[in-house]
Amino acid sequence: MFAIIAAVIFGLALILDWADATVSDAFTPQTLLMAGLLCIALHLAGIGASTKWRGRRR
């Protein structure tokens, strides 16, 4: 789930960077980049995983 959120945030940061738009000081491309990296780190740490792996039953 966090990987999808990070992809959306990275896409938004890229669009803002290409358009050279300034929404506000809180939503600069660098801030969105850091938010995306945080989501990727949480995803890699296993936070927010929806499935629980239990192994195979025989």
PDB file of N, CA and C in Angstrom:
ATOM      1  N   MET A   1       0.822  -1.193   0.000  1.00  0.00           N
ATOM      2  CA  MET A   1       0.000   0.000   0.000  1.00  0.00           C
ATOM      3  C   MET A   1       0.867   1.258   0.000  1.00  0.00           C
ATOM      4  N   PHE A   2       1.914   1.246   0.815  1.00  0.00           N
ATOM      5  CA  PHE A   2       2.784   2.418   0.867  1.00  0.00           C
ATOM      6  C   PHE A   2       3.539   2.630  -0.435  1.00  0.00           C
ATOM      7  N   ALA A   3       3.800   1.554  -1.171  1.00  0.00           N
ATOM      8  CA  ALA A   3       4.503   1.690  -2.447  1.00  0.00           C
ATOM      9  C   ALA A   3       3.627   2.419  -3.465  1.00  0.00           C
ATOM     10  N   ILE A   4       2.331   2.158  -3.460  1.00  0.00           N
ATOM     11  CA  ILE A   4       1.416   2.849  -4.367  1.00  0.00           C
ATOM     12  C   ILE A   4       1.319   4.316  -3.994  1.00  0.00           C
ATOM     13  N   ILE A   5       1.229   4.604  -2.712  1.00  0.00           N
ATOM     14  CA  ILE A   5       1.176   5.994  -2.251  1.00  0.00           C
ATOM     15  C   ILE A   5       2.457   6.724  -2.644  1.00  0.00           C
ATOM     16  N   ALA A   6       3.595   6.050  -2.488  1.00  0.00           N
ATOM     17  CA  ALA A   6       4.870   6.664  -2.850  1.00  0.00           C
ATOM     18  C   ALA A   6       4.931   6.950  -4.349  1.00  0.00           C
ATOM     19  N   ALA A   7       4.417   6.043  -5.167  1.00  0.00           N
ATOM     20  CA  ALA A   7       4.419   6.264  -6.615  1.00  0.00           C
ATOM     21  C   ALA A   7       3.580   7.475  -6.991  1.00  0.00           C
ATOM     22  N   VAL A   8       2.445   7.638  -6.343  1.00  0.00           N
ATOM     23  CA  VAL A   8       1.590   8.805  -6.610  1.00  0.00           C
ATOM     24  C   VAL A   8       2.289  10.091  -6.173  1.00  0.00           C
ATOM     25  N   ILE A   9       2.926  10.058  -5.011  1.00  0.00           N
ATOM     26  CA  ILE A   9       3.634  11.241  -4.517  1.00  0.00           C
ATOM     27  C   ILE A   9       4.791  11.602  -5.431  1.00  0.00           C
ATOM     28  N   PHE A  10       5.560  10.573  -5.880  1.00  0.00           N
ATOM     29  CA  PHE A  10       6.669  10.838  -6.800  1.00  0.00           C
ATOM     30  C   PHE A  10       6.153  11.419  -8.113  1.00  0.00           C
ATOM     31  N   GLY A  11       5.040  10.913  -8.612  1.00  0.00           N
ATOM     32  CA  GLY A  11       4.451  11.454  -9.839  1.00  0.00           C
ATOM     33  C   GLY A  11       4.024  12.893  -9.680  1.00  0.00           C
ATOM     34  N   LEU A  12       3.412  13.219  -8.560  1.00  0.00           N
ATOM     35  CA  LEU A  12       2.997  14.590  -8.298  1.00  0.00           C
ATOM     36  C   LEU A  12       4.204  15.517  -8.182  1.00  0.00           C
ATOM     37  N   ALA A  13       5.257  15.045  -7.527  1.00  0.00           N
ATOM     38  CA  ALA A  13       6.477  15.854  -7.413  1.00  0.00           C
ATOM     39  C   ALA A  13       7.107  16.089  -8.776  1.00  0.00           C
ATOM     40  N   LEU A  14       7.083  15.078  -9.635  1.00  0.00           N
ATOM     41  CA  LEU A  14       7.648  15.228 -10.973  1.00  0.00           C
ATOM     42  C   LEU A  14       6.849  16.221 -11.803  1.00  0.00           C
ATOM     43  N   ILE A  15       5.546  16.156 -11.723  1.00  0.00           N
ATOM     44  CA  ILE A  15       4.696  17.101 -12.461  1.00  0.00           C
ATOM     45  C   ILE A  15       4.920  18.523 -11.961  1.00  0.00           C
ATOM     46  N   LEU A  16       4.999  18.705 -10.646  1.00  0.00           N
ATOM     47  CA  LEU A  16       5.249  20.041 -10.103  1.00  0.00           C
ATOM     48  C   LEU A  16       6.623  20.554 -10.520  1.00  0.00           C
ATOM     49  N   ASP A  17       7.604  19.667 -10.594  1.00  0.00           N
ATOM     50  CA  ASP A  17       8.945  20.084 -10.995  1.00  0.00           C
ATOM     51  C   ASP A  17       8.979  20.463 -12.466  1.00  0.00           C
ATOM     52  N   TRP A  18       8.320  19.653 -13.311  1.00  0.00           N
ATOM     53  CA  TRP A  18       8.283  19.967 -14.746  1.00  0.00           C
ATOM     54  C   TRP A  18       7.529  21.266 -15.019  1.00  0.00           C
ATOM     55  N   ALA A  19       6.425  21.486 -14.318  1.00  0.00           N
ATOM     56  CA  ALA A  19       5.606  22.678 -14.547  1.00  0.00           C
ATOM     57  C   ALA A  19       6.213  23.908 -13.893  1.00  0.00           C
ATOM     58  N   ASP A  20       7.205  23.689 -13.053  1.00  0.00           N
ATOM     59  CA  ASP A  20       7.836  24.772 -12.307  1.00  0.00           C
ATOM     60  C   ASP A  20       6.792  25.574 -11.522  1.00  0.00           C
ATOM     61  N   ALA A  21       5.823  24.823 -10.987  1.00  0.00           N
ATOM     62  CA  ALA A  21       4.722  25.426 -10.245  1.00  0.00           C
ATOM     63  C   ALA A  21       5.073  25.502  -8.766  1.00  0.00           C
ATOM     64  N   THR A  22       4.567  26.524  -8.133  1.00  0.00           N
ATOM     65  CA  THR A  22       4.732  26.668  -6.686  1.00  0.00           C
ATOM     66  C   THR A  22       3.346  26.692  -6.062  1.00  0.00           C
ATOM     67  N   VAL A  23       3.002  25.616  -5.384  1.00  0.00           N
ATOM     68  CA  VAL A  23       1.695  25.523  -4.741  1.00  0.00           C
ATOM     69  C   VAL A  23       1.752  26.240  -3.398  1.00  0.00           C
ATOM     70  N   SER A  24       2.684  25.854  -2.578  1.00  0.00           N
ATOM     71  CA  SER A  24       2.942  26.536  -1.314  1.00  0.00           C
ATOM     72  C   SER A  24       4.302  26.057  -0.822  1.00  0.00           C
ATOM     73  N   ASP A  25       4.733  26.582   0.286  1.00  0.00           N
ATOM     74  CA  ASP A  25       6.026  26.172   0.829  1.00  0.00           C
ATOM     75  C   ASP A  25       5.990  24.744   1.356  1.00  0.00           C
ATOM     76  N   ALA A  26       4.813  24.234   1.677  1.00  0.00           N
ATOM     77  CA  ALA A  26       4.702  22.888   2.227  1.00  0.00           C
ATOM     78  C   ALA A  26       4.764  21.811   1.148  1.00  0.00           C
ATOM     79  N   PHE A  27       4.440  22.147  -0.089  1.00  0.00           N
ATOM     80  CA  PHE A  27       4.370  21.149  -1.158  1.00  0.00           C
ATOM     81  C   PHE A  27       5.375  21.419  -2.255  1.00  0.00           C
ATOM     82  N   THR A  28       6.616  21.583  -1.900  1.00  0.00           N
ATOM     83  CA  THR A  28       7.662  21.717  -2.907  1.00  0.00           C
ATOM     84  C   THR A  28       8.031  20.326  -3.411  1.00  0.00           C
ATOM     85  N   PRO A  29       8.636  20.227  -4.590  1.00  0.00           N
ATOM     86  CA  PRO A  29       9.045  18.897  -5.066  1.00  0.00           C
ATOM     87  C   PRO A  29      10.001  18.181  -4.108  1.00  0.00           C
ATOM     88  N   GLN A  30      10.845  18.916  -3.413  1.00  0.00           N
ATOM     89  CA  GLN A  30      11.766  18.281  -2.468  1.00  0.00           C
ATOM     90  C   GLN A  30      11.010  17.705  -1.269  1.00  0.00           C
ATOM     91  N   THR A  31       9.986  18.404  -0.796  1.00  0.00           N
ATOM     92  CA  THR A  31       9.191  17.896   0.315  1.00  0.00           C
ATOM     93  C   THR A  31       8.434  16.640  -0.101  1.00  0.00           C
ATOM     94  N   LEU A  32       7.876  16.659  -1.312  1.00  0.00           N
ATOM     95  CA  LEU A  32       7.170  15.480  -1.801  1.00  0.00           C
ATOM     96  C   LEU A  32       8.128  14.315  -2.029  1.00  0.00           C
ATOM     97  N   LEU A  33       9.350  14.615  -2.436  1.00  0.00           N
ATOM     98  CA  LEU A  33      10.352  13.568  -2.598  1.00  0.00           C
ATOM     99  C   LEU A  33      10.641  12.894  -1.262  1.00  0.00           C
ATOM    100  N   MET A  34      10.790  13.686  -0.217  1.00  0.00           N
ATOM    101  CA  MET A  34      11.042  13.122   1.109  1.00  0.00           C
ATOM    102  C   MET A  34       9.843  12.310   1.599  1.00  0.00           C
ATOM    103  N   ALA A  35       8.633  12.768   1.320  1.00  0.00           N
ATOM    104  CA  ALA A  35       7.441  12.012   1.713  1.00  0.00           C
ATOM    105  C   ALA A  35       7.373  10.688   0.961  1.00  0.00           C
ATOM    106  N   GLY A  36       7.739  10.707  -0.309  1.00  0.00           N
ATOM    107  CA  GLY A  36       7.757   9.474  -1.092  1.00  0.00           C
ATOM    108  C   GLY A  36       8.802   8.504  -0.590  1.00  0.00           C
ATOM    109  N   LEU A  37       9.969   9.012  -0.248  1.00  0.00           N
ATOM    110  CA  LEU A  37      11.019   8.145   0.301  1.00  0.00           C
ATOM    111  C   LEU A  37      10.609   7.552   1.643  1.00  0.00           C
ATOM    112  N   LEU A  38       9.893   8.321   2.438  1.00  0.00           N
ATOM    113  CA  LEU A  38       9.384   7.805   3.709  1.00  0.00           C
ATOM    114  C   LEU A  38       8.408   6.662   3.473  1.00  0.00           C
ATOM    115  N   CYS A  39       7.518   6.814   2.490  1.00  0.00           N
ATOM    116  CA  CYS A  39       6.561   5.750   2.187  1.00  0.00           C
ATOM    117  C   CYS A  39       7.271   4.501   1.675  1.00  0.00           C
ATOM    118  N   ILE A  40       8.301   4.671   0.852  1.00  0.00           N
ATOM    119  CA  ILE A  40       9.063   3.522   0.368  1.00  0.00           C
ATOM    120  C   ILE A  40       9.765   2.818   1.535  1.00  0.00           C
ATOM    121  N   ALA A  41      10.334   3.597   2.451  1.00  0.00           N
ATOM    122  CA  ALA A  41      11.007   3.001   3.609  1.00  0.00           C
ATOM    123  C   ALA A  41      10.017   2.231   4.477  1.00  0.00           C
ATOM    124  N   LEU A  42       8.821   2.765   4.679  1.00  0.00           N
ATOM    125  CA  LEU A  42       7.806   2.064   5.464  1.00  0.00           C
ATOM    126  C   LEU A  42       7.359   0.787   4.756  1.00  0.00           C
ATOM    127  N   HIS A  43       7.242   0.857   3.429  1.00  0.00           N
ATOM    128  CA  HIS A  43       6.863  -0.326   2.662  1.00  0.00           C
ATOM    129  C   HIS A  43       7.925  -1.425   2.776  1.00  0.00           C
ATOM    130  N   LEU A  44       9.186  -1.040   2.656  1.00  0.00           N
ATOM    131  CA  LEU A  44      10.262  -2.021   2.752  1.00  0.00           C
ATOM    132  C   LEU A  44      10.412  -2.578   4.166  1.00  0.00           C
ATOM    133  N   ALA A  45       9.989  -1.813   5.165  1.00  0.00           N
ATOM    134  CA  ALA A  45      10.049  -2.289   6.543  1.00  0.00           C
ATOM    135  C   ALA A  45       8.895  -3.226   6.875  1.00  0.00           C
ATOM    136  N   GLY A  46       7.918  -3.321   5.987  1.00  0.00           N
ATOM    137  CA  GLY A  46       6.796  -4.226   6.213  1.00  0.00           C
ATOM    138  C   GLY A  46       5.620  -3.595   6.912  1.00  0.00           C
ATOM    139  N   ILE A  47       5.651  -2.298   7.109  1.00  0.00           N
ATOM    140  CA  ILE A  47       4.541  -1.600   7.754  1.00  0.00           C
ATOM    141  C   ILE A  47       3.403  -1.482   6.744  1.00  0.00           C
ATOM    142  N   GLY A  48       2.191  -1.789   7.173  1.00  0.00           N
ATOM    143  CA  GLY A  48       1.034  -1.646   6.300  1.00  0.00           C
ATOM    144  C   GLY A  48       0.815  -2.805   5.355  1.00  0.00           C
ATOM    145  N   ALA A  49       1.497  -3.915   5.561  1.00  0.00           N
ATOM    146  CA  ALA A  49       1.294  -5.084   4.710  1.00  0.00           C
ATOM    147  C   ALA A  49      -0.075  -5.686   5.019  1.00  0.00           C
ATOM    148  N   SER A  50      -0.826  -5.958   3.971  1.00  0.00           N
ATOM    149  CA  SER A  50      -2.187  -6.434   4.182  1.00  0.00           C
ATOM    150  C   SER A  50      -2.271  -7.953   4.311  1.00  0.00           C
ATOM    151  N   THR A  51      -1.273  -8.666   3.855  1.00  0.00           N
ATOM    152  CA  THR A  51      -1.331 -10.122   3.930  1.00  0.00           C
ATOM    153  C   THR A  51      -0.359 -10.623   4.996  1.00  0.00           C
ATOM    154  N   LYS A  52      -0.780 -11.636   5.671  1.00  0.00           N
ATOM    155  CA  LYS A  52       0.061 -12.281   6.669  1.00  0.00           C
ATOM    156  C   LYS A  52       0.550 -13.608   6.080  1.00  0.00           C
ATOM    157  N   TRP A  53       1.849 -13.795   6.052  1.00  0.00           N
ATOM    158  CA  TRP A  53       2.419 -15.014   5.506  1.00  0.00           C
ATOM    159  C   TRP A  53       2.532 -16.042   6.620  1.00  0.00           C
ATOM    160  N   ARG A  54       1.907 -17.198   6.432  1.00  0.00           N
ATOM    161  CA  ARG A  54       1.916 -18.230   7.470  1.00  0.00           C
ATOM    162  C   ARG A  54       2.581 -19.512   7.009  1.00  0.00           C
ATOM    163  N   GLY A  55       2.916 -19.628   5.787  1.00  0.00           N
ATOM    164  CA  GLY A  55       3.512 -20.870   5.310  1.00  0.00           C
ATOM    165  C   GLY A  55       2.444 -21.777   4.699  1.00  0.00           C
ATOM    166  N   ARG A  56       2.891 -22.895   4.170  1.00  0.00           N
ATOM    167  CA  ARG A  56       1.975 -23.805   3.503  1.00  0.00           C
ATOM    168  C   ARG A  56       1.382 -24.823   4.473  1.00  0.00           C
ATOM    169  N   ARG A  57       0.131 -25.122   4.275  1.00  0.00           N
ATOM    170  CA  ARG A  57      -0.510 -26.192   5.018  1.00  0.00           C
ATOM    171  C   ARG A  57      -0.449 -27.467   4.191  1.00  0.00           C
ATOM    172  N   ARG A  58      -0.334 -28.566   4.880  1.00  0.00           N
ATOM    173  CA  ARG A  58      -0.274 -29.841   4.149  1.00  0.00           C
ATOM    174  C   ARG A  58      -1.472 -30.690   4.463  1.00  0.00           C
TER     175      ARG A  58
END
